[in-house]
N, C-alpha and C. Protein backbone atom coordinates (compact mmCIF):
# COMPACT_ATOMS: atom_id res chain seq x y z
N MET A 1 182.19 94.22 70.53
CA MET A 1 182.85 94.83 71.67
C MET A 1 184.34 94.62 71.51
N ASN A 2 185.06 95.59 71.94
CA ASN A 2 186.50 95.43 71.80
C ASN A 2 187.06 94.61 72.96
N GLU A 3 188.26 94.15 72.76
CA GLU A 3 188.92 93.23 73.68
C GLU A 3 189.11 93.82 75.08
N PRO A 4 189.55 95.03 75.30
CA PRO A 4 189.75 95.55 76.66
C PRO A 4 188.43 95.62 77.45
N LYS A 5 187.33 95.97 76.79
CA LYS A 5 186.05 96.03 77.50
C LYS A 5 185.62 94.64 77.95
N LYS A 6 185.86 93.63 77.08
CA LYS A 6 185.52 92.26 77.45
C LYS A 6 186.34 91.83 78.67
N GLN A 7 187.59 92.21 78.71
CA GLN A 7 188.45 91.82 79.84
C GLN A 7 187.99 92.52 81.13
N ILE A 8 187.60 93.75 81.02
CA ILE A 8 187.13 94.48 82.22
C ILE A 8 185.84 93.84 82.72
N ILE A 9 184.93 93.54 81.81
CA ILE A 9 183.66 92.91 82.21
C ILE A 9 183.94 91.53 82.81
N ALA A 10 184.83 90.78 82.23
CA ALA A 10 185.18 89.45 82.75
C ALA A 10 185.79 89.58 84.15
N ALA A 11 186.65 90.58 84.36
CA ALA A 11 187.28 90.80 85.67
C ALA A 11 186.22 91.17 86.71
N ILE A 12 185.27 92.03 86.32
CA ILE A 12 184.22 92.45 87.25
C ILE A 12 183.33 91.26 87.59
N VAL A 13 182.96 90.46 86.60
CA VAL A 13 182.13 89.28 86.84
C VAL A 13 182.87 88.30 87.75
N THR A 14 184.16 88.11 87.54
CA THR A 14 184.96 87.21 88.37
C THR A 14 185.01 87.72 89.81
N ILE A 15 185.23 89.01 89.98
CA ILE A 15 185.28 89.59 91.34
C ILE A 15 183.94 89.44 92.03
N LEU A 16 182.85 89.72 91.32
CA LEU A 16 181.52 89.56 91.90
C LEU A 16 181.23 88.10 92.25
N ALA A 17 181.65 87.19 91.42
CA ALA A 17 181.45 85.76 91.69
C ALA A 17 182.22 85.35 92.94
N LEU A 18 183.47 85.81 93.05
CA LEU A 18 184.28 85.50 94.24
C LEU A 18 183.66 86.12 95.49
N LEU A 19 183.18 87.33 95.38
CA LEU A 19 182.54 87.99 96.51
C LEU A 19 181.28 87.23 96.94
N LEU A 20 180.49 86.81 95.97
CA LEU A 20 179.30 86.04 96.26
C LEU A 20 179.64 84.70 96.93
N LEU A 21 180.68 84.01 96.44
CA LEU A 21 181.12 82.75 97.05
C LEU A 21 181.59 82.98 98.48
N THR A 22 182.30 84.07 98.72
CA THR A 22 182.78 84.39 100.06
C THR A 22 181.61 84.62 101.01
N ILE A 23 180.61 85.35 100.56
CA ILE A 23 179.44 85.62 101.38
C ILE A 23 178.69 84.33 101.70
N VAL A 24 178.50 83.47 100.71
CA VAL A 24 177.81 82.19 100.92
C VAL A 24 178.60 81.31 101.90
N ALA A 25 179.91 81.23 101.73
CA ALA A 25 180.75 80.42 102.61
C ALA A 25 180.69 80.95 104.04
N SER A 26 180.72 82.25 104.19
CA SER A 26 180.66 82.86 105.51
C SER A 26 179.32 82.58 106.18
N ALA A 27 178.24 82.68 105.43
CA ALA A 27 176.91 82.40 105.97
C ALA A 27 176.80 80.95 106.41
N GLN A 28 177.35 80.03 105.62
CA GLN A 28 177.31 78.61 106.00
C GLN A 28 178.14 78.37 107.25
N SER A 29 179.26 79.03 107.35
CA SER A 29 180.11 78.88 108.52
C SER A 29 179.38 79.36 109.78
N ARG A 30 178.69 80.48 109.68
CA ARG A 30 177.93 81.00 110.82
C ARG A 30 176.76 80.09 111.16
N ALA A 31 176.14 79.51 110.17
CA ALA A 31 175.01 78.61 110.41
C ALA A 31 175.47 77.36 111.16
N GLN A 32 176.68 76.90 110.87
CA GLN A 32 177.20 75.71 111.56
C GLN A 32 177.60 76.04 112.99
N HIS A 33 178.05 77.27 113.23
CA HIS A 33 178.42 77.69 114.58
C HIS A 33 177.22 78.35 115.23
N LYS A 34 176.58 77.65 116.14
CA LYS A 34 175.40 78.17 116.80
C LYS A 34 175.83 79.15 117.88
N PRO A 35 175.18 80.30 117.93
CA PRO A 35 175.50 81.23 119.01
C PRO A 35 175.02 80.67 120.33
N GLY A 36 175.63 81.10 121.41
CA GLY A 36 175.21 80.64 122.73
C GLY A 36 176.30 79.82 123.38
N ILE A 37 175.87 78.91 124.23
CA ILE A 37 176.79 78.11 125.02
C ILE A 37 177.27 76.93 124.19
N PRO A 38 178.59 76.71 124.13
CA PRO A 38 179.10 75.53 123.43
C PRO A 38 178.54 74.24 124.06
N ASP A 39 178.44 73.20 123.24
CA ASP A 39 177.85 71.93 123.70
C ASP A 39 178.52 71.39 124.97
N GLU A 40 179.84 71.49 125.05
CA GLU A 40 180.55 70.96 126.22
C GLU A 40 180.14 71.72 127.48
N MET A 41 180.03 73.05 127.35
CA MET A 41 179.64 73.86 128.51
C MET A 41 178.19 73.56 128.90
N GLN A 42 177.32 73.40 127.93
CA GLN A 42 175.91 73.09 128.22
C GLN A 42 175.81 71.74 128.90
N ALA A 43 176.59 70.77 128.44
CA ALA A 43 176.58 69.44 129.06
C ALA A 43 177.04 69.54 130.51
N ALA A 44 178.07 70.36 130.77
CA ALA A 44 178.56 70.53 132.14
C ALA A 44 177.50 71.20 133.01
N LYS A 45 176.81 72.21 132.45
CA LYS A 45 175.74 72.87 133.21
C LYS A 45 174.61 71.90 133.50
N ASP A 46 174.23 71.09 132.53
CA ASP A 46 173.17 70.10 132.73
C ASP A 46 173.55 69.09 133.80
N ALA A 47 174.80 68.64 133.78
CA ALA A 47 175.28 67.68 134.78
C ALA A 47 175.26 68.31 136.17
N GLN A 48 175.66 69.58 136.27
CA GLN A 48 175.65 70.28 137.56
C GLN A 48 174.22 70.43 138.06
N LEU A 49 173.29 70.75 137.18
CA LEU A 49 171.88 70.88 137.56
C LEU A 49 171.35 69.54 138.07
N LYS A 50 171.69 68.45 137.41
CA LYS A 50 171.25 67.13 137.86
C LYS A 50 171.80 66.81 139.25
N ARG A 51 173.08 67.14 139.48
CA ARG A 51 173.69 66.90 140.80
C ARG A 51 173.00 67.75 141.87
N THR A 52 172.70 69.00 141.52
CA THR A 52 172.03 69.90 142.46
C THR A 52 170.64 69.38 142.82
N LEU A 53 169.88 68.98 141.81
CA LEU A 53 168.55 68.43 142.07
C LEU A 53 168.62 67.14 142.88
N ALA A 54 169.59 66.29 142.57
CA ALA A 54 169.74 65.04 143.32
C ALA A 54 170.06 65.33 144.79
N LEU A 55 170.92 66.32 145.04
CA LEU A 55 171.26 66.70 146.41
C LEU A 55 170.01 67.20 147.14
N ALA A 56 169.22 68.03 146.48
CA ALA A 56 168.01 68.57 147.11
C ALA A 56 167.01 67.46 147.42
N ILE A 57 166.81 66.56 146.49
CA ILE A 57 165.86 65.45 146.70
C ILE A 57 166.37 64.52 147.80
N ASP A 58 167.68 64.24 147.80
CA ASP A 58 168.27 63.42 148.87
C ASP A 58 168.05 64.09 150.22
N GLY A 59 168.25 65.41 150.27
CA GLY A 59 168.06 66.15 151.52
C GLY A 59 166.63 66.07 152.02
N ALA A 60 165.67 66.21 151.12
CA ALA A 60 164.26 66.14 151.52
C ALA A 60 163.91 64.72 151.99
N ARG A 61 164.41 63.72 151.30
CA ARG A 61 164.15 62.34 151.71
C ARG A 61 164.81 62.05 153.06
N PHE A 62 166.02 62.56 153.25
CA PHE A 62 166.75 62.38 154.50
C PHE A 62 165.94 62.98 155.65
N ALA A 63 165.44 64.21 155.44
CA ALA A 63 164.63 64.87 156.48
C ALA A 63 163.34 64.10 156.72
N ARG A 64 162.66 63.73 155.65
CA ARG A 64 161.39 62.99 155.76
C ARG A 64 161.56 61.71 156.58
N ASP A 65 162.63 60.98 156.32
CA ASP A 65 162.83 59.69 156.98
C ASP A 65 163.13 59.82 158.47
N ARG A 66 163.40 61.03 158.95
CA ARG A 66 163.68 61.25 160.36
C ARG A 66 162.48 61.83 161.12
N MET A 67 161.37 61.97 160.45
CA MET A 67 160.16 62.52 161.08
C MET A 67 159.44 61.44 161.87
N ASN A 68 158.66 61.87 162.87
CA ASN A 68 157.82 60.94 163.63
C ASN A 68 156.85 60.23 162.71
N ASP A 69 156.29 60.98 161.75
CA ASP A 69 155.34 60.43 160.79
C ASP A 69 155.81 60.83 159.39
N PRO A 70 156.70 60.04 158.78
CA PRO A 70 157.25 60.40 157.47
C PRO A 70 156.19 60.67 156.40
N GLU A 71 155.05 59.99 156.48
CA GLU A 71 154.00 60.20 155.48
C GLU A 71 153.42 61.60 155.54
N SER A 72 153.52 62.26 156.68
CA SER A 72 152.94 63.59 156.84
C SER A 72 153.88 64.70 156.36
N PHE A 73 155.10 64.35 156.03
CA PHE A 73 156.13 65.34 155.63
C PHE A 73 155.77 66.00 154.31
N ARG A 74 155.69 67.35 154.32
CA ARG A 74 155.41 68.13 153.11
C ARG A 74 156.35 69.32 153.05
N VAL A 75 157.01 69.47 151.92
CA VAL A 75 157.94 70.59 151.72
C VAL A 75 157.16 71.78 151.18
N SER A 76 157.38 72.95 151.78
CA SER A 76 156.73 74.17 151.26
C SER A 76 157.73 75.02 150.49
N LEU A 77 159.00 74.98 150.85
CA LEU A 77 160.06 75.69 150.13
C LEU A 77 161.33 74.85 150.16
N ALA A 78 162.06 74.86 149.06
CA ALA A 78 163.36 74.18 149.02
C ALA A 78 164.23 74.90 148.00
N TRP A 79 165.44 75.20 148.39
CA TRP A 79 166.39 75.78 147.45
C TRP A 79 167.78 75.35 147.83
N VAL A 80 168.66 75.37 146.84
CA VAL A 80 170.05 74.99 147.04
C VAL A 80 170.88 76.25 146.86
N THR A 81 171.67 76.57 147.86
CA THR A 81 172.51 77.76 147.78
C THR A 81 173.68 77.50 146.84
N ASP A 82 174.33 78.55 146.42
CA ASP A 82 175.51 78.39 145.57
C ASP A 82 176.62 77.62 146.28
N GLU A 83 176.58 77.62 147.61
CA GLU A 83 177.58 76.89 148.39
C GLU A 83 177.22 75.42 148.54
N GLY A 84 176.03 75.01 148.08
CA GLY A 84 175.65 73.59 148.11
C GLY A 84 174.81 73.17 149.29
N ALA A 85 174.30 74.10 150.08
CA ALA A 85 173.41 73.75 151.19
C ALA A 85 171.98 73.68 150.68
N VAL A 86 171.26 72.63 151.08
CA VAL A 86 169.85 72.50 150.73
C VAL A 86 169.06 73.09 151.89
N CYS A 87 168.36 74.17 151.63
CA CYS A 87 167.56 74.84 152.65
C CYS A 87 166.10 74.49 152.41
N MET A 88 165.43 74.05 153.48
CA MET A 88 164.04 73.62 153.34
C MET A 88 163.16 74.23 154.41
N GLU A 89 161.92 74.45 154.04
CA GLU A 89 160.87 74.73 154.99
C GLU A 89 159.83 73.65 154.76
N PHE A 90 159.34 73.05 155.83
CA PHE A 90 158.43 71.92 155.68
C PHE A 90 157.49 71.85 156.86
N ARG A 91 156.49 71.01 156.74
CA ARG A 91 155.60 70.72 157.86
C ARG A 91 155.45 69.20 157.96
N ALA A 92 155.19 68.76 159.17
CA ALA A 92 155.00 67.33 159.43
C ALA A 92 154.31 67.19 160.79
N LYS A 93 153.78 66.02 161.04
CA LYS A 93 153.15 65.77 162.33
C LYS A 93 154.22 65.58 163.39
N ASN A 94 153.95 66.15 164.56
CA ASN A 94 154.84 65.93 165.69
C ASN A 94 154.39 64.70 166.48
N GLY A 95 155.02 64.43 167.59
CA GLY A 95 154.71 63.25 168.38
C GLY A 95 153.30 63.24 168.94
N LEU A 96 152.66 64.40 169.04
CA LEU A 96 151.30 64.48 169.57
C LEU A 96 150.25 64.44 168.46
N GLY A 97 150.70 64.35 167.20
CA GLY A 97 149.78 64.26 166.08
C GLY A 97 149.40 65.59 165.46
N GLY A 98 149.94 66.69 166.01
CA GLY A 98 149.66 68.00 165.44
C GLY A 98 150.70 68.36 164.39
N TYR A 99 150.30 69.16 163.42
CA TYR A 99 151.24 69.58 162.39
C TYR A 99 152.07 70.75 162.89
N VAL A 100 153.36 70.71 162.60
CA VAL A 100 154.27 71.81 162.93
C VAL A 100 155.06 72.20 161.69
N GLN A 101 155.35 73.47 161.61
CA GLN A 101 156.17 74.00 160.52
C GLN A 101 157.60 74.07 161.03
N SER A 102 158.56 73.68 160.22
CA SER A 102 159.95 73.73 160.64
C SER A 102 160.84 74.01 159.43
N ARG A 103 162.11 74.17 159.71
CA ARG A 103 163.10 74.40 158.66
C ARG A 103 164.29 73.49 158.90
N GLY A 104 164.96 73.14 157.82
CA GLY A 104 166.12 72.28 157.95
C GLY A 104 167.16 72.61 156.90
N VAL A 105 168.38 72.17 157.17
CA VAL A 105 169.51 72.34 156.26
C VAL A 105 170.14 70.98 156.05
N TYR A 106 170.44 70.67 154.79
CA TYR A 106 171.11 69.42 154.44
C TYR A 106 172.29 69.79 153.56
N THR A 107 173.45 69.24 153.88
CA THR A 107 174.65 69.54 153.09
C THR A 107 175.27 68.30 152.45
N GLY A 108 174.56 67.21 152.49
CA GLY A 108 175.09 65.98 151.92
C GLY A 108 175.64 65.06 152.98
N ASP A 109 176.20 65.64 154.03
CA ASP A 109 176.71 64.81 155.12
C ASP A 109 176.23 65.32 156.47
N PHE A 110 175.39 66.33 156.45
CA PHE A 110 174.92 66.92 157.70
C PHE A 110 173.49 67.41 157.50
N TYR A 111 172.62 67.08 158.46
CA TYR A 111 171.24 67.59 158.43
C TYR A 111 170.86 68.02 159.83
N THR A 112 170.18 69.12 159.93
CA THR A 112 169.68 69.55 161.23
C THR A 112 168.44 70.41 161.06
N ASN A 113 167.57 70.35 162.06
CA ASN A 113 166.41 71.24 162.06
C ASN A 113 165.92 71.60 163.45
N HIS A 114 166.62 71.23 164.50
CA HIS A 114 166.18 71.56 165.86
C HIS A 114 167.28 72.28 166.61
N GLY A 115 166.88 73.15 167.52
CA GLY A 115 167.83 73.82 168.41
C GLY A 115 168.96 74.49 167.66
N TYR A 116 170.11 73.89 167.76
CA TYR A 116 171.31 74.39 167.08
C TYR A 116 171.05 74.53 165.58
N GLY A 117 170.16 73.70 165.07
CA GLY A 117 169.86 73.71 163.64
C GLY A 117 169.33 75.03 163.14
N ILE A 118 168.59 75.75 163.99
CA ILE A 118 168.07 77.05 163.57
C ILE A 118 169.21 78.01 163.31
N GLN A 119 170.25 77.97 164.13
CA GLN A 119 171.42 78.83 163.90
C GLN A 119 172.14 78.40 162.63
N VAL A 120 172.27 77.11 162.40
CA VAL A 120 172.90 76.62 161.17
C VAL A 120 172.07 77.04 159.97
N TRP A 121 170.75 76.92 160.08
CA TRP A 121 169.86 77.33 158.99
C TRP A 121 170.06 78.81 158.69
N GLY A 122 170.13 79.62 159.72
CA GLY A 122 170.35 81.05 159.52
C GLY A 122 171.68 81.32 158.85
N LYS A 123 172.71 80.61 159.26
CA LYS A 123 174.05 80.82 158.68
C LYS A 123 174.10 80.36 157.23
N GLU A 124 173.54 79.20 156.94
CA GLU A 124 173.63 78.63 155.59
C GLU A 124 172.62 79.23 154.61
N CYS A 125 171.44 79.56 155.11
CA CYS A 125 170.35 79.93 154.21
C CYS A 125 170.03 81.41 154.17
N LEU A 126 170.47 82.17 155.14
CA LEU A 126 170.15 83.59 155.20
C LEU A 126 171.39 84.44 155.03
N LYS A 127 172.08 84.27 153.93
CA LYS A 127 173.26 85.08 153.69
C LYS A 127 172.88 86.55 153.75
N ASP A 128 173.82 87.36 154.18
CA ASP A 128 173.53 88.77 154.38
C ASP A 128 173.19 89.51 153.10
N ASN A 129 172.06 90.12 153.13
CA ASN A 129 171.67 91.13 152.16
C ASN A 129 170.59 91.95 152.84
N LYS A 130 170.17 93.01 152.24
CA LYS A 130 169.21 93.91 152.91
C LYS A 130 167.90 93.21 153.26
N VAL A 131 167.41 92.37 152.36
CA VAL A 131 166.15 91.66 152.61
C VAL A 131 166.30 90.72 153.81
N SER A 132 167.38 89.91 153.83
CA SER A 132 167.53 88.95 154.92
C SER A 132 167.82 89.65 156.24
N GLN A 133 168.55 90.76 156.22
CA GLN A 133 168.82 91.50 157.46
C GLN A 133 167.53 92.03 158.06
N ASN A 134 166.66 92.60 157.22
CA ASN A 134 165.38 93.11 157.71
C ASN A 134 164.50 91.98 158.24
N ALA A 135 164.46 90.86 157.52
CA ALA A 135 163.64 89.72 157.94
C ALA A 135 164.15 89.17 159.27
N ARG A 136 165.47 89.03 159.39
CA ARG A 136 166.03 88.52 160.65
C ARG A 136 165.71 89.44 161.82
N LYS A 137 165.83 90.74 161.58
CA LYS A 137 165.54 91.71 162.63
C LYS A 137 164.10 91.58 163.10
N GLU A 138 163.16 91.46 162.14
CA GLU A 138 161.74 91.29 162.49
C GLU A 138 161.53 89.99 163.25
N ALA A 139 162.17 88.91 162.84
CA ALA A 139 162.01 87.61 163.50
C ALA A 139 162.54 87.67 164.92
N GLU A 140 163.69 88.29 165.09
CA GLU A 140 164.26 88.40 166.44
C GLU A 140 163.38 89.25 167.34
N GLU A 141 162.79 90.32 166.78
CA GLU A 141 161.90 91.16 167.58
C GLU A 141 160.65 90.39 168.00
N ARG A 142 160.10 89.59 167.11
CA ARG A 142 158.90 88.81 167.43
C ARG A 142 159.19 87.73 168.47
N SER A 143 160.33 87.08 168.35
CA SER A 143 160.63 85.97 169.25
C SER A 143 161.30 86.42 170.54
N LYS A 144 161.83 87.63 170.52
CA LYS A 144 162.57 88.17 171.68
C LYS A 144 163.83 87.35 171.99
N ILE A 145 164.28 86.56 170.99
CA ILE A 145 165.48 85.74 171.17
C ILE A 145 166.45 86.05 170.03
N PRO A 146 167.62 86.62 170.34
CA PRO A 146 168.59 86.90 169.27
C PRO A 146 169.00 85.62 168.55
N GLY A 147 169.04 85.68 167.24
CA GLY A 147 169.47 84.53 166.45
C GLY A 147 168.38 83.50 166.21
N ASN A 148 167.15 83.76 166.68
CA ASN A 148 166.06 82.81 166.46
C ASN A 148 165.34 83.18 165.17
N TYR A 149 165.51 82.37 164.15
CA TYR A 149 164.91 82.63 162.85
C TYR A 149 163.64 81.80 162.66
N ASP A 150 163.19 81.14 163.71
CA ASP A 150 161.98 80.33 163.63
C ASP A 150 160.75 81.18 163.34
N TRP A 151 160.84 82.46 163.63
CA TRP A 151 159.69 83.35 163.48
C TRP A 151 159.62 83.99 162.11
N LEU A 152 160.49 83.62 161.20
CA LEU A 152 160.40 84.13 159.83
C LEU A 152 159.16 83.55 159.16
N THR A 153 158.45 84.37 158.44
CA THR A 153 157.27 83.87 157.73
C THR A 153 157.71 83.25 156.40
N THR A 154 156.84 82.43 155.85
CA THR A 154 157.11 81.82 154.55
C THR A 154 157.33 82.90 153.50
N GLU A 155 156.55 83.98 153.58
CA GLU A 155 156.70 85.07 152.62
C GLU A 155 158.08 85.73 152.74
N GLN A 156 158.56 85.90 153.98
CA GLN A 156 159.89 86.49 154.18
C GLN A 156 160.97 85.56 153.59
N ILE A 157 160.81 84.27 153.83
CA ILE A 157 161.80 83.32 153.31
C ILE A 157 161.78 83.34 151.79
N GLN A 158 160.58 83.39 151.21
CA GLN A 158 160.47 83.45 149.74
C GLN A 158 161.16 84.70 149.21
N SER A 159 160.99 85.84 149.88
CA SER A 159 161.64 87.06 149.40
C SER A 159 163.15 86.97 149.54
N ILE A 160 163.63 86.27 150.56
CA ILE A 160 165.07 86.07 150.72
C ILE A 160 165.58 85.17 149.59
N MET A 161 164.83 84.10 149.31
CA MET A 161 165.22 83.19 148.22
C MET A 161 165.32 83.95 146.90
N ASP A 162 164.39 84.88 146.69
CA ASP A 162 164.35 85.62 145.43
C ASP A 162 165.53 86.56 145.27
N THR A 163 166.19 86.91 146.37
CA THR A 163 167.29 87.89 146.29
C THR A 163 168.67 87.28 146.43
N ARG A 164 168.74 85.99 146.65
CA ARG A 164 170.08 85.42 146.82
C ARG A 164 170.40 84.39 145.76
N PRO A 165 171.69 84.25 145.48
CA PRO A 165 172.09 83.26 144.47
C PRO A 165 171.73 81.85 144.93
N GLY A 166 171.39 81.04 144.00
CA GLY A 166 171.02 79.67 144.31
C GLY A 166 169.91 79.23 143.37
N LEU A 167 169.39 78.06 143.64
CA LEU A 167 168.39 77.48 142.74
C LEU A 167 167.17 77.05 143.53
N ASN A 168 166.02 77.59 143.16
CA ASN A 168 164.76 77.19 143.79
C ASN A 168 164.38 75.83 143.20
N VAL A 169 164.31 74.82 144.05
CA VAL A 169 164.01 73.45 143.60
C VAL A 169 162.72 72.93 144.24
N THR A 170 161.90 73.84 144.73
CA THR A 170 160.70 73.45 145.46
C THR A 170 159.82 72.49 144.67
N GLU A 171 159.48 72.86 143.45
CA GLU A 171 158.55 72.03 142.68
C GLU A 171 159.15 70.67 142.33
N LYS A 172 160.43 70.62 142.03
CA LYS A 172 161.08 69.33 141.72
C LYS A 172 161.11 68.42 142.95
N VAL A 173 161.40 69.01 144.11
CA VAL A 173 161.44 68.22 145.35
C VAL A 173 160.03 67.72 145.68
N LYS A 174 159.03 68.60 145.57
CA LYS A 174 157.66 68.17 145.84
C LYS A 174 157.25 67.01 144.91
N ALA A 175 157.62 67.13 143.64
CA ALA A 175 157.27 66.08 142.67
C ALA A 175 157.94 64.76 143.02
N ALA A 176 159.20 64.81 143.43
CA ALA A 176 159.92 63.58 143.79
C ALA A 176 159.31 62.93 145.02
N LEU A 177 158.97 63.73 146.03
CA LEU A 177 158.37 63.18 147.24
C LEU A 177 156.97 62.61 146.95
N LYS A 178 156.22 63.27 146.09
CA LYS A 178 154.91 62.75 145.69
C LYS A 178 155.05 61.42 144.96
N ALA A 179 156.05 61.35 144.07
CA ALA A 179 156.30 60.08 143.36
C ALA A 179 156.65 58.98 144.35
N ASP A 180 157.43 59.30 145.39
CA ASP A 180 157.75 58.32 146.42
C ASP A 180 156.48 57.83 147.11
N ARG A 181 155.58 58.77 147.46
CA ARG A 181 154.33 58.38 148.14
C ARG A 181 153.46 57.53 147.23
N ASP A 182 153.43 57.88 145.94
CA ASP A 182 152.60 57.12 144.99
C ASP A 182 153.08 55.70 144.79
N LYS A 183 154.39 55.48 144.96
CA LYS A 183 154.96 54.13 144.81
C LYS A 183 154.50 53.21 145.93
N GLU A 184 154.30 53.78 147.09
CA GLU A 184 153.99 52.97 148.28
C GLU A 184 152.57 52.53 148.34
């Protein structure tokens, strides 16, 4: 083979080798950089989730400890709004020994579930959207009392929870309260 052909072949082989090295280096770089949420952001999200769950569990325990019969306290729904309110639906024995269904709101420094509490529950837990507006209207018609959300059904509350921002923590709260009962 003559000298110019050898040089052309050597140049082509060199270019192909460099191209191959570039492709391999790029693939390794992508493999090291995982797509998705950076570790710092994931850690922050995990920490926020832990704080949210802790707030919800604290709220349920706070409510339970104020019942006539704390052992009878059972949560049927619990969620934390994006604003940080823990909204709960629960049942417990009343002073006469009968079970009653009620709702409560816990914000870390405030808890209520009676009288004025129903209005607070409506304000904190039933943010306006089409589902909650329809549910509120039905509840007010059934109770004949404006602003009385006590007549909302569990199914209506579940549908409201499904349409509003926040975190459903029902199962985690139930598990924590069960663990508390099992300890005793």
